[in-house]
């Protein structure tokens, strides 16, 4: 079986896409939020980030047009990270 294709037409170079990885975006967020969050809040943020990074790797998520975030809701709900508000 072939690997999932990330995009139909790629306009951003692989070098830039690598720098926009989820892990790199989390590093940027952490650097900027660490001074304004309490230790408890920052610890929770890191916990959720770790779950997301593992989830992305385990499920081979590419963030491509063929993926639907709604398919992930049940898994994130089981962890208590999202709830159904209806």
PDB file of N, CA and C in Angstrom:
ATOM      1  N   UNK A   1       0.847  -1.180   0.000  1.00  0.00           N
ATOM      2  CA  UNK A   1       0.000   0.000   0.000  1.00  0.00           C
ATOM      3  C   UNK A   1       0.890   1.240   0.000  1.00  0.00           C
ATOM      4  N   UNK A   2       0.534   2.223  -0.792  1.00  0.00           N
ATOM      5  CA  UNK A   2       1.357   3.434  -0.861  1.00  0.00           C
ATOM      6  C   UNK A   2       1.133   4.310   0.360  1.00  0.00           C
ATOM      7  N   UNK A   3       2.152   5.093   0.663  1.00  0.00           N
ATOM      8  CA  UNK A   3       2.056   6.022   1.786  1.00  0.00           C
ATOM      9  C   UNK A   3       1.118   7.169   1.436  1.00  0.00           C
ATOM     10  N   UNK A   4       0.492   7.758   2.462  1.00  0.00           N
ATOM     11  CA  UNK A   4      -0.406   8.879   2.219  1.00  0.00           C
ATOM     12  C   UNK A   4       0.368  10.041   1.619  1.00  0.00           C
ATOM     13  N   UNK A   5      -0.206  10.654   0.632  1.00  0.00           N
ATOM     14  CA  UNK A   5       0.391  11.831   0.023  1.00  0.00           C
ATOM     15  C   UNK A   5      -0.009  13.047   0.843  1.00  0.00           C
ATOM     16  N   UNK A   6       0.935  13.907   1.111  1.00  0.00           N
ATOM     17  CA  UNK A   6       0.667  15.052   1.966  1.00  0.00           C
ATOM     18  C   UNK A   6      -0.192  16.101   1.263  1.00  0.00           C
ATOM     19  N   UNK A   7       0.139  16.448   0.059  1.00  0.00           N
ATOM     20  CA  UNK A   7      -0.599  17.474  -0.671  1.00  0.00           C
ATOM     21  C   UNK A   7      -0.705  17.081  -2.140  1.00  0.00           C
ATOM     22  N   UNK A   8      -1.734  17.564  -2.805  1.00  0.00           N
ATOM     23  CA  UNK A   8      -1.859  17.349  -4.240  1.00  0.00           C
ATOM     24  C   UNK A   8      -0.783  18.140  -4.983  1.00  0.00           C
ATOM     25  N   UNK A   9      -0.613  19.388  -4.620  1.00  0.00           N
ATOM     26  CA  UNK A   9       0.425  20.250  -5.181  1.00  0.00           C
ATOM     27  C   UNK A   9       1.150  20.900  -4.025  1.00  0.00           C
ATOM     28  N   UNK A  10       2.435  20.669  -3.927  1.00  0.00           N
ATOM     29  CA  UNK A  10       3.217  21.217  -2.821  1.00  0.00           C
ATOM     30  C   UNK A  10       3.863  22.525  -3.267  1.00  0.00           C
ATOM     31  N   UNK A  11       3.535  23.617  -2.575  1.00  0.00           N
ATOM     32  CA  UNK A  11       4.104  24.919  -2.924  1.00  0.00           C
ATOM     33  C   UNK A  11       5.129  25.397  -1.893  1.00  0.00           C
ATOM     34  N   UNK A  12       5.155  24.749  -0.743  1.00  0.00           N
ATOM     35  CA  UNK A  12       6.125  25.090   0.305  1.00  0.00           C
ATOM     36  C   UNK A  12       7.204  24.012   0.296  1.00  0.00           C
ATOM     37  N   UNK A  13       8.434  24.437   0.314  1.00  0.00           N
ATOM     38  CA  UNK A  13       9.535  23.471   0.242  1.00  0.00           C
ATOM     39  C   UNK A  13       9.551  22.567   1.482  1.00  0.00           C
ATOM     40  N   UNK A  14      10.127  21.382   1.315  1.00  0.00           N
ATOM     41  CA  UNK A  14      10.245  20.428   2.427  1.00  0.00           C
ATOM     42  C   UNK A  14      11.014  21.038   3.592  1.00  0.00           C
ATOM     43  N   UNK A  15      12.004  21.852   3.295  1.00  0.00           N
ATOM     44  CA  UNK A  15      12.806  22.495   4.341  1.00  0.00           C
ATOM     45  C   UNK A  15      11.932  23.385   5.238  1.00  0.00           C
ATOM     46  N   UNK A  16      11.055  24.142   4.628  1.00  0.00           N
ATOM     47  CA  UNK A  16      10.158  25.018   5.408  1.00  0.00           C
ATOM     48  C   UNK A  16       9.110  24.182   6.129  1.00  0.00           C
ATOM     49  N   UNK A  17       8.555  23.178   5.463  1.00  0.00           N
ATOM     50  CA  UNK A  17       7.554  22.322   6.102  1.00  0.00           C
ATOM     51  C   UNK A  17       8.119  21.647   7.345  1.00  0.00           C
ATOM     52  N   UNK A  18       9.366  21.241   7.279  1.00  0.00           N
ATOM     53  CA  UNK A  18      10.003  20.622   8.435  1.00  0.00           C
ATOM     54  C   UNK A  18      10.065  21.605   9.604  1.00  0.00           C
ATOM     55  N   UNK A  19      10.323  22.857   9.298  1.00  0.00           N
ATOM     56  CA  UNK A  19      10.397  23.870  10.355  1.00  0.00           C
ATOM     57  C   UNK A  19       9.019  24.204  10.916  1.00  0.00           C
ATOM     58  N   UNK A  20       7.975  23.865  10.185  1.00  0.00           N
ATOM     59  CA  UNK A  20       6.603  24.091  10.649  1.00  0.00           C
ATOM     60  C   UNK A  20       6.003  22.851  11.294  1.00  0.00           C
ATOM     61  N   UNK A  21       6.844  21.895  11.630  1.00  0.00           N
ATOM     62  CA  UNK A  21       6.348  20.660  12.248  1.00  0.00           C
ATOM     63  C   UNK A  21       5.631  20.974  13.556  1.00  0.00           C
ATOM     64  N   UNK A  22       4.790  20.060  13.968  1.00  0.00           N
ATOM     65  CA  UNK A  22       4.042  20.232  15.213  1.00  0.00           C
ATOM     66  C   UNK A  22       4.995  20.427  16.390  1.00  0.00           C
ATOM     67  N   UNK A  23       6.061  19.649  16.417  1.00  0.00           N
ATOM     68  CA  UNK A  23       7.032  19.763  17.500  1.00  0.00           C
ATOM     69  C   UNK A  23       7.676  21.152  17.529  1.00  0.00           C
ATOM     70  N   UNK A  24       8.044  21.682  16.378  1.00  0.00           N
ATOM     71  CA  UNK A  24       8.647  23.021  16.335  1.00  0.00           C
ATOM     72  C   UNK A  24       7.648  24.114  16.712  1.00  0.00           C
ATOM     73  N   UNK A  25       6.400  23.938  16.311  1.00  0.00           N
ATOM     74  CA  UNK A  25       5.379  24.922  16.696  1.00  0.00           C
ATOM     75  C   UNK A  25       5.159  24.907  18.203  1.00  0.00           C
ATOM     76  N   UNK A  26       5.198  23.711  18.805  1.00  0.00           N
ATOM     77  CA  UNK A  26       5.061  23.615  20.260  1.00  0.00           C
ATOM     78  C   UNK A  26       6.229  24.293  20.971  1.00  0.00           C
ATOM     79  N   UNK A  27       7.428  24.149  20.437  1.00  0.00           N
ATOM     80  CA  UNK A  27       8.589  24.809  21.043  1.00  0.00           C
ATOM     81  C   UNK A  27       8.388  26.321  21.064  1.00  0.00           C
ATOM     82  N   UNK A  28       7.892  26.863  19.960  1.00  0.00           N
ATOM     83  CA  UNK A  28       7.633  28.304  19.874  1.00  0.00           C
ATOM     84  C   UNK A  28       6.569  28.716  20.895  1.00  0.00           C
ATOM     85  N   UNK A  29       5.481  27.967  20.951  1.00  0.00           N
ATOM     86  CA  UNK A  29       4.399  28.260  21.899  1.00  0.00           C
ATOM     87  C   UNK A  29       4.922  28.203  23.339  1.00  0.00           C
ATOM     88  N   UNK A  30       5.681  27.165  23.646  1.00  0.00           N
ATOM     89  CA  UNK A  30       6.198  26.996  25.004  1.00  0.00           C
ATOM     90  C   UNK A  30       7.124  28.143  25.396  1.00  0.00           C
ATOM     91  N   UNK A  31       7.977  28.553  24.487  1.00  0.00           N
ATOM     92  CA  UNK A  31       8.884  29.670  24.765  1.00  0.00           C
ATOM     93  C   UNK A  31       8.115  30.941  25.085  1.00  0.00           C
ATOM     94  N   UNK A  32       6.973  31.116  24.437  1.00  0.00           N
ATOM     95  CA  UNK A  32       6.217  32.349  24.613  1.00  0.00           C
ATOM     96  C   UNK A  32       5.183  32.296  25.727  1.00  0.00           C
ATOM     97  N   UNK A  33       4.755  31.105  26.102  1.00  0.00           N
ATOM     98  CA  UNK A  33       3.741  30.996  27.155  1.00  0.00           C
ATOM     99  C   UNK A  33       4.308  30.631  28.524  1.00  0.00           C
ATOM    100  N   UNK A  34       5.524  30.154  28.555  1.00  0.00           N
ATOM    101  CA  UNK A  34       6.091  29.683  29.824  1.00  0.00           C
ATOM    102  C   UNK A  34       6.138  30.771  30.893  1.00  0.00           C
ATOM    103  N   UNK A  35       6.252  32.013  30.488  1.00  0.00           N
ATOM    104  CA  UNK A  35       6.340  33.101  31.474  1.00  0.00           C
ATOM    105  C   UNK A  35       4.986  33.572  31.982  1.00  0.00           C
ATOM    106  N   UNK A  36       3.903  33.236  31.270  1.00  0.00           N
ATOM    107  CA  UNK A  36       2.600  33.737  31.711  1.00  0.00           C
ATOM    108  C   UNK A  36       1.690  32.651  32.286  1.00  0.00           C
ATOM    109  N   UNK A  37       2.052  31.389  32.101  1.00  0.00           N
ATOM    110  CA  UNK A  37       1.250  30.297  32.657  1.00  0.00           C
ATOM    111  C   UNK A  37       1.782  29.893  34.027  1.00  0.00           C
ATOM    112  N   UNK A  38       0.880  29.425  34.867  1.00  0.00           N
ATOM    113  CA  UNK A  38       1.312  28.862  36.147  1.00  0.00           C
ATOM    114  C   UNK A  38       2.008  27.530  35.871  1.00  0.00           C
ATOM    115  N   UNK A  39       2.717  27.024  36.850  1.00  0.00           N
ATOM    116  CA  UNK A  39       3.377  25.728  36.683  1.00  0.00           C
ATOM    117  C   UNK A  39       2.369  24.629  36.357  1.00  0.00           C
ATOM    118  N   UNK A  40       1.218  24.681  37.012  1.00  0.00           N
ATOM    119  CA  UNK A  40       0.175  23.677  36.774  1.00  0.00           C
ATOM    120  C   UNK A  40      -0.361  23.774  35.345  1.00  0.00           C
ATOM    121  N   UNK A  41      -0.618  24.979  34.884  1.00  0.00           N
ATOM    122  CA  UNK A  41      -1.116  25.183  33.528  1.00  0.00           C
ATOM    123  C   UNK A  41      -0.086  24.736  32.486  1.00  0.00           C
ATOM    124  N   UNK A  42       1.168  25.102  32.732  1.00  0.00           N
ATOM    125  CA  UNK A  42       2.223  24.751  31.783  1.00  0.00           C
ATOM    126  C   UNK A  42       2.436  23.243  31.753  1.00  0.00           C
ATOM    127  N   UNK A  43       2.333  22.594  32.881  1.00  0.00           N
ATOM    128  CA  UNK A  43       2.461  21.145  32.950  1.00  0.00           C
ATOM    129  C   UNK A  43       1.343  20.469  32.151  1.00  0.00           C
ATOM    130  N   UNK A  44       0.125  20.979  32.278  1.00  0.00           N
ATOM    131  CA  UNK A  44      -0.996  20.436  31.522  1.00  0.00           C
ATOM    132  C   UNK A  44      -0.783  20.647  30.023  1.00  0.00           C
ATOM    133  N   UNK A  45      -0.330  21.825  29.644  1.00  0.00           N
ATOM    134  CA  UNK A  45      -0.053  22.117  28.244  1.00  0.00           C
ATOM    135  C   UNK A  45       0.958  21.122  27.675  1.00  0.00           C
ATOM    136  N   UNK A  46       2.030  20.875  28.412  1.00  0.00           N
ATOM    137  CA  UNK A  46       3.056  19.930  27.969  1.00  0.00           C
ATOM    138  C   UNK A  46       2.488  18.510  27.861  1.00  0.00           C
ATOM    139  N   UNK A  47       1.607  18.142  28.776  1.00  0.00           N
ATOM    140  CA  UNK A  47       0.964  16.823  28.744  1.00  0.00           C
ATOM    141  C   UNK A  47       0.137  16.659  27.472  1.00  0.00           C
ATOM    142  N   UNK A  48      -0.650  17.664  27.147  1.00  0.00           N
ATOM    143  CA  UNK A  48      -1.478  17.618  25.945  1.00  0.00           C
ATOM    144  C   UNK A  48      -0.600  17.600  24.696  1.00  0.00           C
ATOM    145  N   UNK A  49       0.444  18.393  24.690  1.00  0.00           N
ATOM    146  CA  UNK A  49       1.347  18.419  23.549  1.00  0.00           C
ATOM    147  C   UNK A  49       1.986  17.049  23.321  1.00  0.00           C
ATOM    148  N   UNK A  50       2.405  16.410  24.387  1.00  0.00           N
ATOM    149  CA  UNK A  50       3.023  15.087  24.275  1.00  0.00           C
ATOM    150  C   UNK A  50       2.021  14.085  23.695  1.00  0.00           C
ATOM    151  N   UNK A  51       0.771  14.167  24.157  1.00  0.00           N
ATOM    152  CA  UNK A  51      -0.263  13.289  23.620  1.00  0.00           C
ATOM    153  C   UNK A  51      -0.447  13.544  22.115  1.00  0.00           C
ATOM    154  N   UNK A  52      -0.493  14.812  21.735  1.00  0.00           N
ATOM    155  CA  UNK A  52      -0.694  15.165  20.322  1.00  0.00           C
ATOM    156  C   UNK A  52       0.464  14.688  19.455  1.00  0.00           C
ATOM    157  N   UNK A  53       1.685  14.850  19.927  1.00  0.00           N
ATOM    158  CA  UNK A  53       2.846  14.395  19.165  1.00  0.00           C
ATOM    159  C   UNK A  53       2.822  12.884  18.991  1.00  0.00           C
ATOM    160  N   UNK A  54       2.504  12.163  20.053  1.00  0.00           N
ATOM    161  CA  UNK A  54       2.408  10.704  19.969  1.00  0.00           C
ATOM    162  C   UNK A  54       1.258  10.270  19.065  1.00  0.00           C
ATOM    163  N   UNK A  55       0.144  10.975  19.169  1.00  0.00           N
ATOM    164  CA  UNK A  55      -1.038  10.665  18.353  1.00  0.00           C
ATOM    165  C   UNK A  55      -0.721  10.872  16.874  1.00  0.00           C
ATOM    166  N   UNK A  56      -0.052  11.972  16.579  1.00  0.00           N
ATOM    167  CA  UNK A  56       0.323  12.276  15.199  1.00  0.00           C
ATOM    168  C   UNK A  56       1.227  11.173  14.630  1.00  0.00           C
ATOM    169  N   UNK A  57       2.197  10.752  15.411  1.00  0.00           N
ATOM    170  CA  UNK A  57       3.133   9.721  14.962  1.00  0.00           C
ATOM    171  C   UNK A  57       2.438   8.355  14.832  1.00  0.00           C
ATOM    172  N   UNK A  58       1.684   7.981  15.858  1.00  0.00           N
ATOM    173  CA  UNK A  58       1.012   6.680  15.879  1.00  0.00           C
ATOM    174  C   UNK A  58       0.026   6.533  14.717  1.00  0.00           C
ATOM    175  N   UNK A  59      -0.685   7.595  14.405  1.00  0.00           N
ATOM    176  CA  UNK A  59      -1.716   7.551  13.369  1.00  0.00           C
ATOM    177  C   UNK A  59      -1.238   8.051  12.011  1.00  0.00           C
ATOM    178  N   UNK A  60       0.068   8.317  11.906  1.00  0.00           N
ATOM    179  CA  UNK A  60       0.678   8.772  10.645  1.00  0.00           C
ATOM    180  C   UNK A  60      -0.088   9.941  10.037  1.00  0.00           C
ATOM    181  N   UNK A  61      -0.361  10.922  10.865  1.00  0.00           N
ATOM    182  CA  UNK A  61      -1.109  12.098  10.441  1.00  0.00           C
ATOM    183  C   UNK A  61      -0.185  13.008   9.639  1.00  0.00           C
ATOM    184  N   UNK A  62      -0.655  13.414   8.484  1.00  0.00           N
ATOM    185  CA  UNK A  62       0.139  14.273   7.604  1.00  0.00           C
ATOM    186  C   UNK A  62      -0.391  15.704   7.544  1.00  0.00           C
ATOM    187  N   UNK A  63      -1.567  15.936   8.097  1.00  0.00           N
ATOM    188  CA  UNK A  63      -2.238  17.233   8.029  1.00  0.00           C
ATOM    189  C   UNK A  63      -2.569  17.599   6.584  1.00  0.00           C
ATOM    190  N   UNK A  64      -2.812  16.572   5.797  1.00  0.00           N
ATOM    191  CA  UNK A  64      -3.158  16.759   4.395  1.00  0.00           C
ATOM    192  C   UNK A  64      -4.653  16.937   4.196  1.00  0.00           C
ATOM    193  N   UNK A  65      -5.055  17.212   2.968  1.00  0.00           N
ATOM    194  CA  UNK A  65      -6.462  17.503   2.671  1.00  0.00           C
ATOM    195  C   UNK A  65      -7.391  16.297   2.828  1.00  0.00           C
ATOM    196  N   UNK A  66      -6.841  15.094   2.893  1.00  0.00           N
ATOM    197  CA  UNK A  66      -7.678  13.904   3.010  1.00  0.00           C
ATOM    198  C   UNK A  66      -7.982  13.531   4.454  1.00  0.00           C
ATOM    199  N   UNK A  67      -7.486  14.297   5.404  1.00  0.00           N
ATOM    200  CA  UNK A  67      -7.710  14.001   6.823  1.00  0.00           C
ATOM    201  C   UNK A  67      -8.783  14.918   7.397  1.00  0.00           C
ATOM    202  N   UNK A  68      -9.585  14.342   8.274  1.00  0.00           N
ATOM    203  CA  UNK A  68     -10.673  15.090   8.892  1.00  0.00           C
ATOM    204  C   UNK A  68     -10.478  15.090  10.402  1.00  0.00           C
ATOM    205  N   UNK A  69     -10.335  16.256  10.973  1.00  0.00           N
ATOM    206  CA  UNK A  69     -10.091  16.392  12.412  1.00  0.00           C
ATOM    207  C   UNK A  69     -11.206  15.765  13.237  1.00  0.00           C
ATOM    208  N   UNK A  70     -12.411  15.721  12.703  1.00  0.00           N
ATOM    209  CA  UNK A  70     -13.532  15.153  13.446  1.00  0.00           C
ATOM    210  C   UNK A  70     -13.341  13.663  13.714  1.00  0.00           C
ATOM    211  N   UNK A  71     -12.546  13.001  12.894  1.00  0.00           N
ATOM    212  CA  UNK A  71     -12.260  11.581  13.116  1.00  0.00           C
ATOM    213  C   UNK A  71     -11.439  11.362  14.385  1.00  0.00           C
ATOM    214  N   UNK A  72     -10.779  12.395  14.857  1.00  0.00           N
ATOM    215  CA  UNK A  72      -9.899  12.276  16.020  1.00  0.00           C
ATOM    216  C   UNK A  72     -10.617  12.604  17.336  1.00  0.00           C
ATOM    217  N   UNK A  73     -11.807  13.157  17.260  1.00  0.00           N
ATOM    218  CA  UNK A  73     -12.520  13.629  18.453  1.00  0.00           C
ATOM    219  C   UNK A  73     -12.695  12.551  19.518  1.00  0.00           C
ATOM    220  N   UNK A  74     -13.089  11.365  19.114  1.00  0.00           N
ATOM    221  CA  UNK A  74     -13.342  10.306  20.100  1.00  0.00           C
ATOM    222  C   UNK A  74     -12.082   9.996  20.901  1.00  0.00           C
ATOM    223  N   UNK A  75     -10.944   9.924  20.223  1.00  0.00           N
ATOM    224  CA  UNK A  75      -9.689   9.624  20.913  1.00  0.00           C
ATOM    225  C   UNK A  75      -9.301  10.732  21.892  1.00  0.00           C
ATOM    226  N   UNK A  76      -9.464  11.968  21.470  1.00  0.00           N
ATOM    227  CA  UNK A  76      -9.131  13.092  22.351  1.00  0.00           C
ATOM    228  C   UNK A  76     -10.145  13.203  23.491  1.00  0.00           C
ATOM    229  N   UNK A  77     -11.389  12.825  23.215  1.00  0.00           N
ATOM    230  CA  UNK A  77     -12.414  12.816  24.254  1.00  0.00           C
ATOM    231  C   UNK A  77     -12.134  11.788  25.333  1.00  0.00           C
ATOM    232  N   UNK A  78     -11.651  10.616  24.935  1.00  0.00           N
ATOM    233  CA  UNK A  78     -11.318   9.562  25.902  1.00  0.00           C
ATOM    234  C   UNK A  78     -10.244  10.028  26.881  1.00  0.00           C
ATOM    235  N   UNK A  79      -9.366  10.913  26.408  1.00  0.00           N
ATOM    236  CA  UNK A  79      -8.308  11.447  27.269  1.00  0.00           C
ATOM    237  C   UNK A  79      -8.789  12.635  28.106  1.00  0.00           C
ATOM    238  N   UNK A  80     -10.008  13.115  27.807  1.00  0.00           N
ATOM    239  CA  UNK A  80     -10.549  14.252  28.535  1.00  0.00           C
ATOM    240  C   UNK A  80     -10.088  15.597  28.007  1.00  0.00           C
ATOM    241  N   UNK A  81      -9.535  15.619  26.798  1.00  0.00           N
ATOM    242  CA  UNK A  81      -9.017  16.861  26.237  1.00  0.00           C
ATOM    243  C   UNK A  81     -10.081  17.670  25.513  1.00  0.00           C
ATOM    244  N   UNK A  82     -11.158  17.017  25.069  1.00  0.00           N
ATOM    245  CA  UNK A  82     -12.299  17.728  24.482  1.00  0.00           C
ATOM    246  C   UNK A  82     -13.574  17.070  24.972  1.00  0.00           C
ATOM    247  N   UNK A  83     -14.649  17.829  24.937  1.00  0.00           N
ATOM    248  CA  UNK A  83     -15.952  17.301  25.346  1.00  0.00           C
ATOM    249  C   UNK A  83     -17.001  17.711  24.336  1.00  0.00           C
ATOM    250  N   UNK A  84     -18.095  16.985  24.318  1.00  0.00           N
ATOM    251  CA  UNK A  84     -19.225  17.321  23.454  1.00  0.00           C
ATOM    252  C   UNK A  84     -20.081  18.330  24.214  1.00  0.00           C
ATOM    253  N   UNK A  85     -20.198  19.503  23.674  1.00  0.00           N
ATOM    254  CA  UNK A  85     -20.936  20.571  24.358  1.00  0.00           C
ATOM    255  C   UNK A  85     -22.417  20.568  24.049  1.00  0.00           C
ATOM    256  N   UNK A  86     -22.855  19.681  23.172  1.00  0.00           N
ATOM    257  CA  UNK A  86     -24.276  19.663  22.783  1.00  0.00           C
ATOM    258  C   UNK A  86     -25.036  18.711  23.681  1.00  0.00           C
TER     259      UNK A  86
END
